[in-house]
C-alpha atoms as a PDB file:
ATOM      1  CA  THR A   1     -10.164 -16.009  -8.424  1.00  0.00           C
ATOM      2  CA  ILE A   2     -10.482 -12.430  -7.249  1.00  0.00           C
ATOM      3  CA  THR A   3     -12.469 -11.392  -4.185  1.00  0.00           C
ATOM      4  CA  GLN A   4     -16.136 -11.034  -5.106  1.00  0.00           C
ATOM      5  CA  SER A   5     -19.559 -11.826  -3.661  1.00  0.00           C
ATOM      6  CA  HIS A   6     -20.366 -15.400  -2.655  1.00  0.00           C
ATOM      7  CA  GLU A   7     -22.628 -15.777  -5.689  1.00  0.00           C
ATOM      8  CA  VAL A   8     -19.985 -14.638  -8.165  1.00  0.00           C
ATOM      9  CA  LEU A   9     -17.251 -16.813  -6.654  1.00  0.00           C
ATOM     10  CA  SER A  10     -19.561 -19.813  -6.606  1.00  0.00           C
ATOM     11  CA  ALA A  11     -20.379 -19.316 -10.284  1.00  0.00           C
ATOM     12  CA  ALA A  12     -16.680 -18.933 -11.117  1.00  0.00           C
ATOM     13  CA  VAL A  13     -15.578 -22.199  -9.525  1.00  0.00           C
ATOM     14  CA  LYS A  14     -18.559 -24.000 -11.057  1.00  0.00           C
ATOM     15  CA  ASN A  15     -17.406 -22.795 -14.484  1.00  0.00           C
ATOM     16  CA  VAL A  16     -13.938 -24.268 -13.943  1.00  0.00           C
ATOM     17  CA  ALA A  17     -15.412 -27.568 -12.768  1.00  0.00           C
ATOM     18  CA  ARG A  18     -17.645 -27.682 -15.847  1.00  0.00           C
ATOM     19  CA  VAL A  19     -14.725 -27.142 -18.238  1.00  0.00           C
ATOM     20  CA  VAL A  20     -12.713 -29.897 -16.560  1.00  0.00           C
ATOM     21  CA  GLU A  21     -15.664 -32.286 -16.773  1.00  0.00           C
ATOM     22  CA  GLU A  22     -16.440 -31.506 -20.416  1.00  0.00           C
ATOM     23  CA  GLY A  23     -12.823 -31.719 -21.557  1.00  0.00           C
ATOM     24  CA  TYR A  24     -10.478 -29.209 -23.139  1.00  0.00           C
ATOM     25  CA  GLU A  25      -7.223 -28.897 -25.064  1.00  0.00           C
ATOM     26  CA  GLY A  26      -3.906 -27.407 -24.009  1.00  0.00           C
ATOM     27  CA  ALA A  27      -2.276 -27.050 -20.615  1.00  0.00           C
ATOM     28  CA  GLU A  28      -3.742 -29.178 -17.857  1.00  0.00           C
ATOM     29  CA  ILE A  29      -5.934 -27.444 -15.299  1.00  0.00           C
ATOM     30  CA  LEU A  30      -4.424 -28.680 -12.046  1.00  0.00           C
ATOM     31  CA  GLY A  31      -6.929 -26.862  -9.883  1.00  0.00           C
ATOM     32  CA  ILE A  32      -8.163 -23.503  -8.662  1.00  0.00           C
ATOM     33  CA  HIS A  33      -6.174 -20.913  -6.717  1.00  0.00           C
ATOM     34  CA  PHE A  34      -8.819 -19.361  -4.483  1.00  0.00           C
ATOM     35  CA  GLU A  35      -7.400 -15.879  -3.825  1.00  0.00           C
ATOM     36  CA  GLY A  36      -9.897 -14.259  -1.483  1.00  0.00           C
ATOM     37  CA  PRO A  37     -12.361 -13.441  -0.093  1.00  0.00           C
ATOM     38  CA  TYR A  38     -10.617 -14.076   3.245  1.00  0.00           C
ATOM     39  CA  LEU A  39      -8.198 -11.152   2.981  1.00  0.00           C
ATOM     40  CA  ASP A  40      -7.048  -8.266   5.168  1.00  0.00           C
ATOM     41  CA  GLN A  41      -8.678  -5.010   4.132  1.00  0.00           C
ATOM     42  CA  LYS A  42      -5.522  -2.936   4.617  1.00  0.00           C
ATOM     43  CA  TYR A  43      -3.441  -5.236   2.420  1.00  0.00           C
ATOM     44  CA  LYS A  44      -6.165  -6.069  -0.089  1.00  0.00           C
ATOM     45  CA  GLY A  45      -4.234  -4.544  -3.012  1.00  0.00           C
ATOM     46  CA  ALA A  46      -6.534  -4.332  -6.038  1.00  0.00           C
ATOM     47  CA  GLN A  47      -9.090  -6.700  -4.483  1.00  0.00           C
ATOM     48  CA  PRO A  48     -12.533  -5.134  -3.818  1.00  0.00           C
ATOM     49  CA  GLU A  49     -12.652  -4.201  -0.130  1.00  0.00           C
ATOM     50  CA  GLN A  50     -16.414  -4.606   0.215  1.00  0.00           C
ATOM     51  CA  PHE A  51     -16.142  -8.355  -0.372  1.00  0.00           C
ATOM     52  CA  CYS A  52     -13.243  -9.075   2.008  1.00  0.00           C
ATOM     53  CA  VAL A  53     -14.606 -11.211   4.853  1.00  0.00           C
ATOM     54  CA  LYS A  54     -13.309 -13.306   7.730  1.00  0.00           C
ATOM     55  CA  PRO A  55     -12.427 -16.967   7.091  1.00  0.00           C
ATOM     56  CA  ASP A  56     -15.393 -19.317   7.437  1.00  0.00           C
ATOM     57  CA  VAL A  57     -15.026 -23.098   7.312  1.00  0.00           C
ATOM     58  CA  GLU A  58     -18.637 -23.825   6.387  1.00  0.00           C
ATOM     59  CA  GLU A  59     -18.630 -21.234   3.617  1.00  0.00           C
ATOM     60  CA  PHE A  60     -15.405 -22.654   2.209  1.00  0.00           C
ATOM     61  CA  LYS A  61     -16.882 -26.160   2.242  1.00  0.00           C
ATOM     62  CA  GLN A  62     -19.672 -24.848   0.016  1.00  0.00           C
ATOM     63  CA  TYR A  63     -17.174 -23.282  -2.383  1.00  0.00           C
ATOM     64  CA  GLN A  64     -15.237 -26.546  -2.547  1.00  0.00           C
ATOM     65  CA  GLU A  65     -18.439 -28.493  -3.189  1.00  0.00           C
ATOM     66  CA  ASP A  66     -19.318 -26.115  -6.026  1.00  0.00           C
ATOM     67  CA  ALA A  67     -15.788 -26.563  -7.386  1.00  0.00           C
ATOM     68  CA  LYS A  68     -16.112 -30.348  -7.141  1.00  0.00           C
ATOM     69  CA  GLY A  69     -12.926 -30.492  -5.118  1.00  0.00           C
ATOM     70  CA  LEU A  70     -10.834 -28.464  -7.556  1.00  0.00           C
ATOM     71  CA  ILE A  71      -9.735 -25.750  -5.108  1.00  0.00           C
ATOM     72  CA  LYS A  72      -6.100 -26.713  -4.514  1.00  0.00           C
ATOM     73  CA  VAL A  73      -4.640 -23.438  -3.183  1.00  0.00           C
ATOM     74  CA  ILE A  74      -6.180 -20.761  -0.998  1.00  0.00           C
ATOM     75  CA  THR A  75      -4.659 -17.358  -0.272  1.00  0.00           C
ATOM     76  CA  MET A  76      -5.856 -15.930   3.007  1.00  0.00           C
ATOM     77  CA  ALA A  77      -4.981 -13.605   5.871  1.00  0.00           C
ATOM     78  CA  CYS A  78      -4.538 -16.283   8.512  1.00  0.00           C
ATOM     79  CA  GLU A  79      -4.379 -13.730  11.331  1.00  0.00           C
ATOM     80  CA  HIS A  80      -8.147 -13.301  10.891  1.00  0.00           C
ATOM     81  CA  ASP A  81      -8.784 -17.068  10.998  1.00  0.00           C
ATOM     82  CA  GLU A  82     -10.179 -17.690  14.488  1.00  0.00           C
ATOM     83  CA  ASP A  83      -8.285 -20.552  16.157  1.00  0.00           C
ATOM     84  CA  PHE A  84      -6.799 -21.193  12.687  1.00  0.00           C
ATOM     85  CA  ALA A  85      -9.901 -23.271  11.965  1.00  0.00           C
ATOM     86  CA  LEU A  86      -9.947 -22.823   8.183  1.00  0.00           C
ATOM     87  CA  THR A  87      -6.160 -23.064   7.971  1.00  0.00           C
ATOM     88  CA  GLU A  88      -6.246 -26.458   9.676  1.00  0.00           C
ATOM     89  CA  TYR A  89      -9.270 -27.643   7.698  1.00  0.00           C
ATOM     90  CA  CYS A  90      -7.674 -26.837   4.353  1.00  0.00           C
ATOM     91  CA  ALA A  91      -4.284 -28.250   5.304  1.00  0.00           C
ATOM     92  CA  SER A  92      -5.912 -31.521   6.362  1.00  0.00           C
ATOM     93  CA  HIS A  93      -8.008 -31.741   3.186  1.00  0.00           C
ATOM     94  CA  GLY A  94      -5.308 -31.339   0.556  1.00  0.00           C
ATOM     95  CA  VAL A  95      -5.601 -27.580   0.003  1.00  0.00           C
ATOM     96  CA  LEU A  96      -2.349 -25.600   0.123  1.00  0.00           C
ATOM     97  CA  VAL A  97      -2.790 -22.633   2.466  1.00  0.00           C
ATOM     98  CA  SER A  98      -0.836 -19.581   1.344  1.00  0.00           C
ATOM     99  CA  GLN A  99      -0.541 -16.474   3.513  1.00  0.00           C
ATOM    100  CA  GLY A 100      -1.134 -13.347   1.470  1.00  0.00           C
ATOM    101  CA  HIS A 101      -2.996 -10.043   1.347  1.00  0.00           C
ATOM    102  CA  SER A 102      -2.193 -10.182   5.031  1.00  0.00           C
ATOM    103  CA  GLY A 103      -1.094  -7.841   7.785  1.00  0.00           C
ATOM    104  CA  ALA A 104       0.201 -10.681   9.956  1.00  0.00           C
ATOM    105  CA  THR A 105       2.960  -9.994  12.429  1.00  0.00           C
ATOM    106  CA  TYR A 106       6.014 -12.232  12.298  1.00  0.00           C
ATOM    107  CA  GLN A 107       4.672 -14.194  15.270  1.00  0.00           C
ATOM    108  CA  GLN A 108       1.230 -14.617  13.698  1.00  0.00           C
ATOM    109  CA  ALA A 109       2.813 -15.807  10.456  1.00  0.00           C
ATOM    110  CA  VAL A 110       4.886 -18.410  12.284  1.00  0.00           C
ATOM    111  CA  MET A 111       1.783 -19.600  14.168  1.00  0.00           C
ATOM    112  CA  ALA A 112      -0.103 -19.963  10.889  1.00  0.00           C
ATOM    113  CA  VAL A 113       2.707 -22.132   9.533  1.00  0.00           C
ATOM    114  CA  ALA A 114       2.514 -24.270  12.670  1.00  0.00           C
ATOM    115  CA  HIS A 115      -1.181 -24.808  11.888  1.00  0.00           C
ATOM    116  CA  GLY A 116      -0.516 -25.829   8.281  1.00  0.00           C
ATOM    117  CA  ALA A 117      -0.011 -22.724   6.118  1.00  0.00           C
ATOM    118  CA  MET A 118       2.929 -23.873   4.010  1.00  0.00           C
ATOM    119  CA  SER A 119       3.121 -21.148   1.359  1.00  0.00           C
ATOM    120  CA  MET A 120       3.070 -17.367   0.926  1.00  0.00           C
ATOM    121  CA  THR A 121       1.482 -15.447  -1.943  1.00  0.00           C
ATOM    122  CA  HIS A 122       3.431 -12.844  -3.972  1.00  0.00           C
ATOM    123  CA  VAL A 123       6.046 -12.129  -1.299  1.00  0.00           C
ATOM    124  CA  PHE A 124       6.750  -8.389  -0.802  1.00  0.00           C
ATOM    125  CA  ASN A 125       3.372  -7.424  -2.265  1.00  0.00           C
ATOM    126  CA  GLY A 126       0.107  -7.313  -0.355  1.00  0.00           C
ATOM    127  CA  MET A 127       1.633  -8.141   3.014  1.00  0.00           C
ATOM    128  CA  SER A 128       3.117  -6.604   6.149  1.00  0.00           C
ATOM    129  CA  PRO A 129       6.604  -5.360   5.188  1.00  0.00           C
ATOM    130  CA  PHE A 130       9.957  -6.055   6.808  1.00  0.00           C
ATOM    131  CA  HIS A 131      11.257  -3.730   9.510  1.00  0.00           C
ATOM    132  CA  HIS A 132      14.242  -4.527  11.688  1.00  0.00           C
ATOM    133  CA  ARG A 133      12.087  -4.228  14.811  1.00  0.00           C
ATOM    134  CA  ASP A 134       8.968  -5.744  13.240  1.00  0.00           C
ATOM    135  CA  PRO A 135       9.858  -8.357  10.592  1.00  0.00           C
ATOM    136  CA  GLY A 136       6.261  -8.900   9.460  1.00  0.00           C
ATOM    137  CA  LEU A 137       5.168 -11.494   6.928  1.00  0.00           C
ATOM    138  CA  VAL A 138       8.057 -10.612   4.613  1.00  0.00           C
ATOM    139  CA  GLY A 139      10.496 -11.377   7.419  1.00  0.00           C
ATOM    140  CA  ALA A 140       8.808 -14.729   7.978  1.00  0.00           C
ATOM    141  CA  ALA A 141       9.074 -15.514   4.258  1.00  0.00           C
ATOM    142  CA  PHE A 142      12.852 -15.079   4.453  1.00  0.00           C
ATOM    143  CA  ARG A 143      13.305 -16.860   7.782  1.00  0.00           C
ATOM    144  CA  LEU A 144      11.161 -19.946   7.156  1.00  0.00           C
ATOM    145  CA  ARG A 145      13.273 -21.682   4.536  1.00  0.00           C
ATOM    146  CA  ASP A 146      11.027 -24.754   4.202  1.00  0.00           C
ATOM    147  CA  VAL A 147       7.859 -22.766   3.466  1.00  0.00           C
ATOM    148  CA  TYR A 148       7.088 -22.034  -0.192  1.00  0.00           C
ATOM    149  CA  GLY A 149       7.014 -18.409  -1.259  1.00  0.00           C
ATOM    150  CA  GLU A 150       5.693 -17.050  -4.540  1.00  0.00           C
ATOM    151  CA  VAL A 151       7.188 -13.881  -5.967  1.00  0.00           C
ATOM    152  CA  ILE A 152       6.203 -11.781  -9.001  1.00  0.00           C
ATOM    153  CA  CYS A 153       9.321 -11.522 -11.158  1.00  0.00           C
ATOM    154  CA  ASP A 154       8.408  -8.687 -13.524  1.00  0.00           C
ATOM    155  CA  GLY A 155      10.844  -6.126 -12.094  1.00  0.00           C
ATOM    156  CA  ASN A 156       7.931  -3.805 -11.297  1.00  0.00           C
ATOM    157  CA  HIS A 157       6.352  -5.422  -8.274  1.00  0.00           C
ATOM    158  CA  SER A 158       9.778  -5.930  -6.699  1.00  0.00           C
ATOM    159  CA  ASN A 159      13.168  -4.403  -7.469  1.00  0.00           C
ATOM    160  CA  ILE A 160      15.563  -6.844  -9.128  1.00  0.00           C
ATOM    161  CA  ASN A 161      17.940  -6.589  -6.167  1.00  0.00           C
ATOM    162  CA  SER A 162      15.098  -7.604  -3.860  1.00  0.00           C
ATOM    163  CA  LEU A 163      14.476 -10.571  -6.144  1.00  0.00           C
ATOM    164  CA  ASN A 164      18.130 -11.574  -5.858  1.00  0.00           C
ATOM    165  CA  ASN A 165      18.073 -11.227  -2.070  1.00  0.00           C
ATOM    166  CA  TYR A 166      14.950 -13.349  -1.827  1.00  0.00           C
ATOM    167  CA  PHE A 167      16.093 -16.168  -4.100  1.00  0.00           C
ATOM    168  CA  MET A 168      19.556 -16.369  -2.575  1.00  0.00           C
ATOM    169  CA  SER A 169      18.063 -16.473   0.918  1.00  0.00           C
ATOM    170  CA  LYS A 170      15.253 -18.901   0.096  1.00  0.00           C
ATOM    171  CA  GLY A 171      17.431 -21.362  -1.757  1.00  0.00           C
ATOM    172  CA  ARG A 172      16.780 -23.521  -4.777  1.00  0.00           C
ATOM    173  CA  ASP A 173      13.799 -25.549  -3.579  1.00  0.00           C
ATOM    174  CA  TYR A 174      11.142 -23.252  -2.102  1.00  0.00           C
ATOM    175  CA  ALA A 175      11.011 -20.046  -4.174  1.00  0.00           C
ATOM    176  CA  ILE A 176       8.214 -20.003  -6.764  1.00  0.00           C
ATOM    177  CA  MET A 177       8.131 -17.558  -9.658  1.00  0.00           C
ATOM    178  CA  ILE A 178       4.649 -16.391 -10.638  1.00  0.00           C
ATOM    179  CA  SER A 179       3.437 -14.049 -13.350  1.00  0.00           C
ATOM    180  CA  ASP A 180       0.344 -12.764 -11.494  1.00  0.00           C
ATOM    181  CA  SER A 181      -0.868 -12.004 -15.006  1.00  0.00           C
ATOM    182  CA  LEU A 182      -4.336 -10.781 -15.823  1.00  0.00           C
ATOM    183  CA  MET A 183      -6.472 -10.942 -18.939  1.00  0.00           C
ATOM    184  CA  ALA A 184      -4.485  -7.946 -20.219  1.00  0.00           C
ATOM    185  CA  LYS A 185      -1.457 -10.109 -20.997  1.00  0.00           C
ATOM    186  CA  GLY A 186      -0.669  -9.654 -24.673  1.00  0.00           C
ATOM    187  CA  CYS A 187      -2.865  -6.553 -25.007  1.00  0.00           C
ATOM    188  CA  PRO A 188      -1.392  -3.307 -26.394  1.00  0.00           C
ATOM    189  CA  VAL A 189      -0.235  -0.410 -24.232  1.00  0.00           C
ATOM    190  CA  GLY A 190      -3.141   1.760 -23.128  1.00  0.00           C
ATOM    191  CA  SER A 191      -5.648  -1.094 -23.087  1.00  0.00           C
ATOM    192  CA  LYS A 192      -8.240  -0.780 -20.339  1.00  0.00           C
ATOM    193  CA  PHE A 193     -10.415  -3.460 -18.794  1.00  0.00           C
ATOM    194  CA  LEU A 194     -12.376  -4.237 -15.645  1.00  0.00           C
ATOM    195  CA  PHE A 195     -10.852  -6.299 -12.845  1.00  0.00           C
ATOM    196  CA  GLY A 196     -13.232  -7.083 -10.010  1.00  0.00           C
ATOM    197  CA  GLY A 197     -15.222  -3.982 -10.883  1.00  0.00           C
ATOM    198  CA  ASN A 198     -12.155  -1.726 -10.987  1.00  0.00           C
ATOM    199  CA  GLU A 199     -10.734  -0.246 -14.202  1.00  0.00           C
ATOM    200  CA  ILE A 200      -7.185  -1.329 -15.051  1.00  0.00           C
ATOM    201  CA  GLU A 201      -4.821   0.166 -17.644  1.00  0.00           C
ATOM    202  CA  VAL A 202      -1.741  -1.372 -19.271  1.00  0.00           C
ATOM    203  CA  TYR A 203       1.314   0.905 -18.995  1.00  0.00           C
ATOM    204  CA  PRO A 204       4.222   1.151 -21.493  1.00  0.00           C
ATOM    205  CA  ASP A 205       6.456  -1.043 -19.306  1.00  0.00           C
ATOM    206  CA  GLY A 206       3.842  -3.807 -19.407  1.00  0.00           C
ATOM    207  CA  SER A 207       2.612  -3.286 -15.867  1.00  0.00           C
ATOM    208  CA  ALA A 208      -1.093  -3.059 -15.034  1.00  0.00           C
ATOM    209  CA  HIS A 209      -2.425  -0.258 -12.829  1.00  0.00           C
ATOM    210  CA  LEU A 210      -5.706   0.822 -11.297  1.00  0.00           C
ATOM    211  CA  THR A 211      -6.805   3.951 -13.132  1.00  0.00           C
ATOM    212  CA  SER A 212      -8.281   5.323  -9.894  1.00  0.00           C
ATOM    213  CA  THR A 213      -5.196   5.140  -7.644  1.00  0.00           C
ATOM    214  CA  LYS A 214      -2.392   4.276 -10.123  1.00  0.00           C
ATOM    215  CA  GLY A 215      -1.556   1.335  -7.851  1.00  0.00           C
ATOM    216  CA  LEU A 216      -0.265  -1.934  -9.307  1.00  0.00           C
ATOM    217  CA  ALA A 217      -2.968  -4.464 -10.147  1.00  0.00           C
ATOM    218  CA  GLY A 218      -1.525  -7.766 -11.274  1.00  0.00           C
ATOM    219  CA  SER A 219       0.782  -7.879 -14.276  1.00  0.00           C
ATOM    220  CA  THR A 220       1.085  -8.867 -17.927  1.00  0.00           C
ATOM    221  CA  LEU A 221       4.260 -10.893 -17.384  1.00  0.00           C
ATOM    222  CA  ARG A 222       4.986 -14.061 -19.353  1.00  0.00           C
ATOM    223  CA  ILE A 223       6.856 -16.775 -17.460  1.00  0.00           C
ATOM    224  CA  ASN A 224       9.625 -16.966 -20.077  1.00  0.00           C
ATOM    225  CA  ARG A 225      10.270 -13.244 -19.549  1.00  0.00           C
ATOM    226  CA  GLY A 226      10.219 -13.746 -15.803  1.00  0.00           C
ATOM    227  CA  LEU A 227      12.947 -16.346 -16.230  1.00  0.00           C
ATOM    228  CA  GLU A 228      14.957 -13.884 -18.313  1.00  0.00           C
ATOM    229  CA  ILE A 229      14.577 -11.147 -15.689  1.00  0.00           C
ATOM    230  CA  LEU A 230      15.687 -13.446 -12.884  1.00  0.00           C
ATOM    231  CA  VAL A 231      18.767 -14.759 -14.672  1.00  0.00           C
ATOM    232  CA  GLU A 232      19.899 -11.835 -16.821  1.00  0.00           C
ATOM    233  CA  LYS A 233      18.922  -8.862 -14.640  1.00  0.00           C
ATOM    234  CA  ALA A 234      18.569 -10.087 -11.067  1.00  0.00           C
ATOM    235  CA  GLY A 235      21.593 -12.384 -11.272  1.00  0.00           C
ATOM    236  CA  VAL A 236      19.782 -15.410  -9.862  1.00  0.00           C
ATOM    237  CA  PRO A 237      21.534 -18.734 -10.635  1.00  0.00           C
ATOM    238  CA  PHE A 238      19.863 -20.520 -13.535  1.00  0.00           C
ATOM    239  CA  ASP A 239      19.062 -23.654 -11.536  1.00  0.00           C
ATOM    240  CA  TYR A 240      17.350 -21.573  -8.836  1.00  0.00           C
ATOM    241  CA  ALA A 241      15.360 -19.693 -11.481  1.00  0.00           C
ATOM    242  CA  ILE A 242      14.316 -22.720 -13.539  1.00  0.00           C
ATOM    243  CA  ASN A 243      13.277 -24.677 -10.448  1.00  0.00           C
ATOM    244  CA  SER A 244      11.093 -21.771  -9.370  1.00  0.00           C
ATOM    245  CA  CYS A 245       8.847 -22.122 -12.419  1.00  0.00           C
ATOM    246  CA  THR A 246       8.932 -25.902 -12.831  1.00  0.00           C
ATOM    247  CA  LEU A 247       9.718 -28.345 -10.039  1.00  0.00           C
ATOM    248  CA  ASN A 248       9.007 -26.143  -7.021  1.00  0.00           C
ATOM    249  CA  PRO A 249       5.398 -25.289  -7.902  1.00  0.00           C
ATOM    250  CA  ALA A 250       4.803 -28.921  -8.874  1.00  0.00           C
ATOM    251  CA  ARG A 251       6.081 -30.031  -5.466  1.00  0.00           C
ATOM    252  CA  ALA A 252       3.995 -27.410  -3.672  1.00  0.00           C
ATOM    253  CA  LEU A 253       0.875 -28.759  -5.404  1.00  0.00           C
ATOM    254  CA  GLY A 254       1.804 -32.378  -4.781  1.00  0.00           C
ATOM    255  CA  VAL A 255       2.095 -33.311  -8.468  1.00  0.00           C
ATOM    256  CA  ASP A 256       5.892 -33.587  -8.620  1.00  0.00           C
ATOM    257  CA  ASP A 257       5.536 -37.322  -9.266  1.00  0.00           C
ATOM    258  CA  ARG A 258       4.422 -36.500 -12.819  1.00  0.00           C
ATOM    259  CA  LYS A 259       5.190 -32.837 -13.476  1.00  0.00           C
ATOM    260  CA  GLY A 260       8.013 -30.373 -12.995  1.00  0.00           C
ATOM    261  CA  LYS A 261      10.883 -32.074 -14.787  1.00  0.00           C
ATOM    262  CA  ILE A 262      11.779 -33.917 -17.982  1.00  0.00           C
ATOM    263  CA  CYS A 263      12.010 -37.515 -16.880  1.00  0.00           C
ATOM    264  CA  THR A 264      10.822 -40.985 -17.908  1.00  0.00           C
ATOM    265  CA  GLY A 265       7.219 -41.487 -16.859  1.00  0.00           C
ATOM    266  CA  TYR A 266       6.509 -37.788 -16.395  1.00  0.00           C
ATOM    267  CA  ASP A 267       4.014 -35.740 -18.392  1.00  0.00           C
ATOM    268  CA  ALA A 268       5.770 -34.239 -21.399  1.00  0.00           C
ATOM    269  CA  ASP A 269       4.955 -30.632 -20.539  1.00  0.00           C
ATOM    270  CA  ILE A 270       7.812 -28.882 -22.310  1.00  0.00           C
ATOM    271  CA  VAL A 271       8.461 -25.286 -23.333  1.00  0.00           C
ATOM    272  CA  VAL A 272      11.340 -24.843 -25.782  1.00  0.00           C
ATOM    273  CA  LEU A 273      13.138 -21.485 -25.576  1.00  0.00           C
ATOM    274  CA  ASN A 274      15.889 -19.998 -27.731  1.00  0.00           C
ATOM    275  CA  ASN A 275      18.912 -18.126 -26.375  1.00  0.00           C
ATOM    276  CA  ASP A 276      16.831 -14.940 -26.131  1.00  0.00           C
ATOM    277  CA  TYR A 277      14.208 -16.661 -23.973  1.00  0.00           C
ATOM    278  CA  ASP A 278      11.666 -16.548 -26.796  1.00  0.00           C
ATOM    279  CA  VAL A 279       9.198 -19.438 -26.920  1.00  0.00           C
ATOM    280  CA  VAL A 280       9.947 -21.676 -29.905  1.00  0.00           C
ATOM    281  CA  GLN A 281       7.524 -24.518 -29.200  1.00  0.00           C
ATOM    282  CA  THR A 282       5.256 -25.713 -26.405  1.00  0.00           C
ATOM    283  CA  TYR A 283       4.121 -29.261 -25.680  1.00  0.00           C
ATOM    284  CA  ALA A 284       1.264 -30.053 -23.299  1.00  0.00           C
ATOM    285  CA  ARG A 285       1.361 -33.687 -22.204  1.00  0.00           C
ATOM    286  CA  GLY A 286       3.314 -34.530 -25.321  1.00  0.00           C
ATOM    287  CA  VAL A 287       1.013 -32.734 -27.757  1.00  0.00           C
ATOM    288  CA  ALA A 288       2.411 -29.759 -29.673  1.00  0.00           C
ATOM    289  CA  CYS A 289       0.390 -26.617 -29.010  1.00  0.00           C
ATOM    290  CA  LYS A 290      -0.475 -24.411 -31.960  1.00  0.00           C
END
């Protein structure tokens, strides 16, 4: 999701629940990543500021009821969560809490982890930066090796050398590559569309920007290209890179008993690539996708 009014977010999660109930083809919907509305206004990124609010347990319960339990990940600025009430509630009810769009200090980030926040959303972007006298949320992402950390691997959101530093520091098991892609993925250069009420334009390098501020607003990255960037440009070991888009996210979501690797008894979710990282064929639970 993107930060919007309560009514819009409620309708959005109801739509996902309806699709899951009615049935669909293709990749399995494992759940909803609820990104917002509990975000820091300074680090909101492209999220609409007017809808950023403080964490509220009772409000979240209503969202989860509307979603019929499908909210599996929530991105929030835990420093605004009074007594870490929502952080603890989500962590104890099977929802992965991910710190993001947050201005948390290093100490606040560590406290949030102690209360159950076991992931971080698009590390480097939308969070308090690293400084040698004030490590911020980025510093916590590097230091806390057993906390998952997503990172956008398009080469635009983070320099390839920063990607290398992060993966080599984080290790093979807790870095998660994400695309952060929007509806513009696959659209031609110059395409414009609305994102949370803001106009976005696709640039020649494939990045997506707010037309008002020129700031980055999501991406158009494909995961196979993210893998190529990590291995061929950032110099990340292949096993680190492949784990980051397969087994690690499966483990973070608690579905690594059936997804994330090619193994007897696991779902046959397989993407076949050639030597140029082009997609040759995709299988979703053993069924070839057209």
